[in-house]
Amino acid sequence: MSRTLPFQRSPQASRARLSKAQLLPIPRSVANELALQVHLSLQALRAGATDIAPAQQITEAMLLARFLSEAGHGDFSHDALMAADRIMAEVFDGGRESGTWTLAPEAFEQIAAIVSLYDHQLQRATLAALTTASERLDRFKAGEAYQPMQQRRASS
């Protein structure tokens, strides 16, 4: 019969193991599943989605990609975020009017590039970076104003 490894059971040892896990990327299967959902949402918007969920998912991925970029994972400028935000605002406005959430053909490549960046970030960013980005997204959704990371550090 095999024995378990004698890990220390103190809270400090548990935090140390958690801290080490935070330095690793998320499991590839999880990253692939998250990326697949966003790619499917992109295709749904290209075809004309009958509900708002794909547009919401693309917008969340867009913000997460920006937050991860600010943390040093990829290049996604503030100007590119603002341009993508305008595109998605048009998607939301059009969906509310027509009941179909559609990404204009001329905007598809720009949003597809962001989805690809997000996919790449999911494969490489650490769990800590993804956790921090997700927490920022939750605060943003709760009403906190968006501030680029450099401005957040300066005001702290």
Foldseek 3Di string as FASTA:
>chain_A
DDDDDDQDPDPVSVVVVVVVQQQAADDPVVLVVLLVLLVVLLVQQAVWPLDCVSLVSLLLLLQLLQLLVLVPQDDQDPVLSVVVVVQSVVQVVVCVVPSTRHRDPVCSVSSVVSSVSSSSCNVGPGNNSSVVSVVVSVVVVVPDDDDRPVVVVVVD
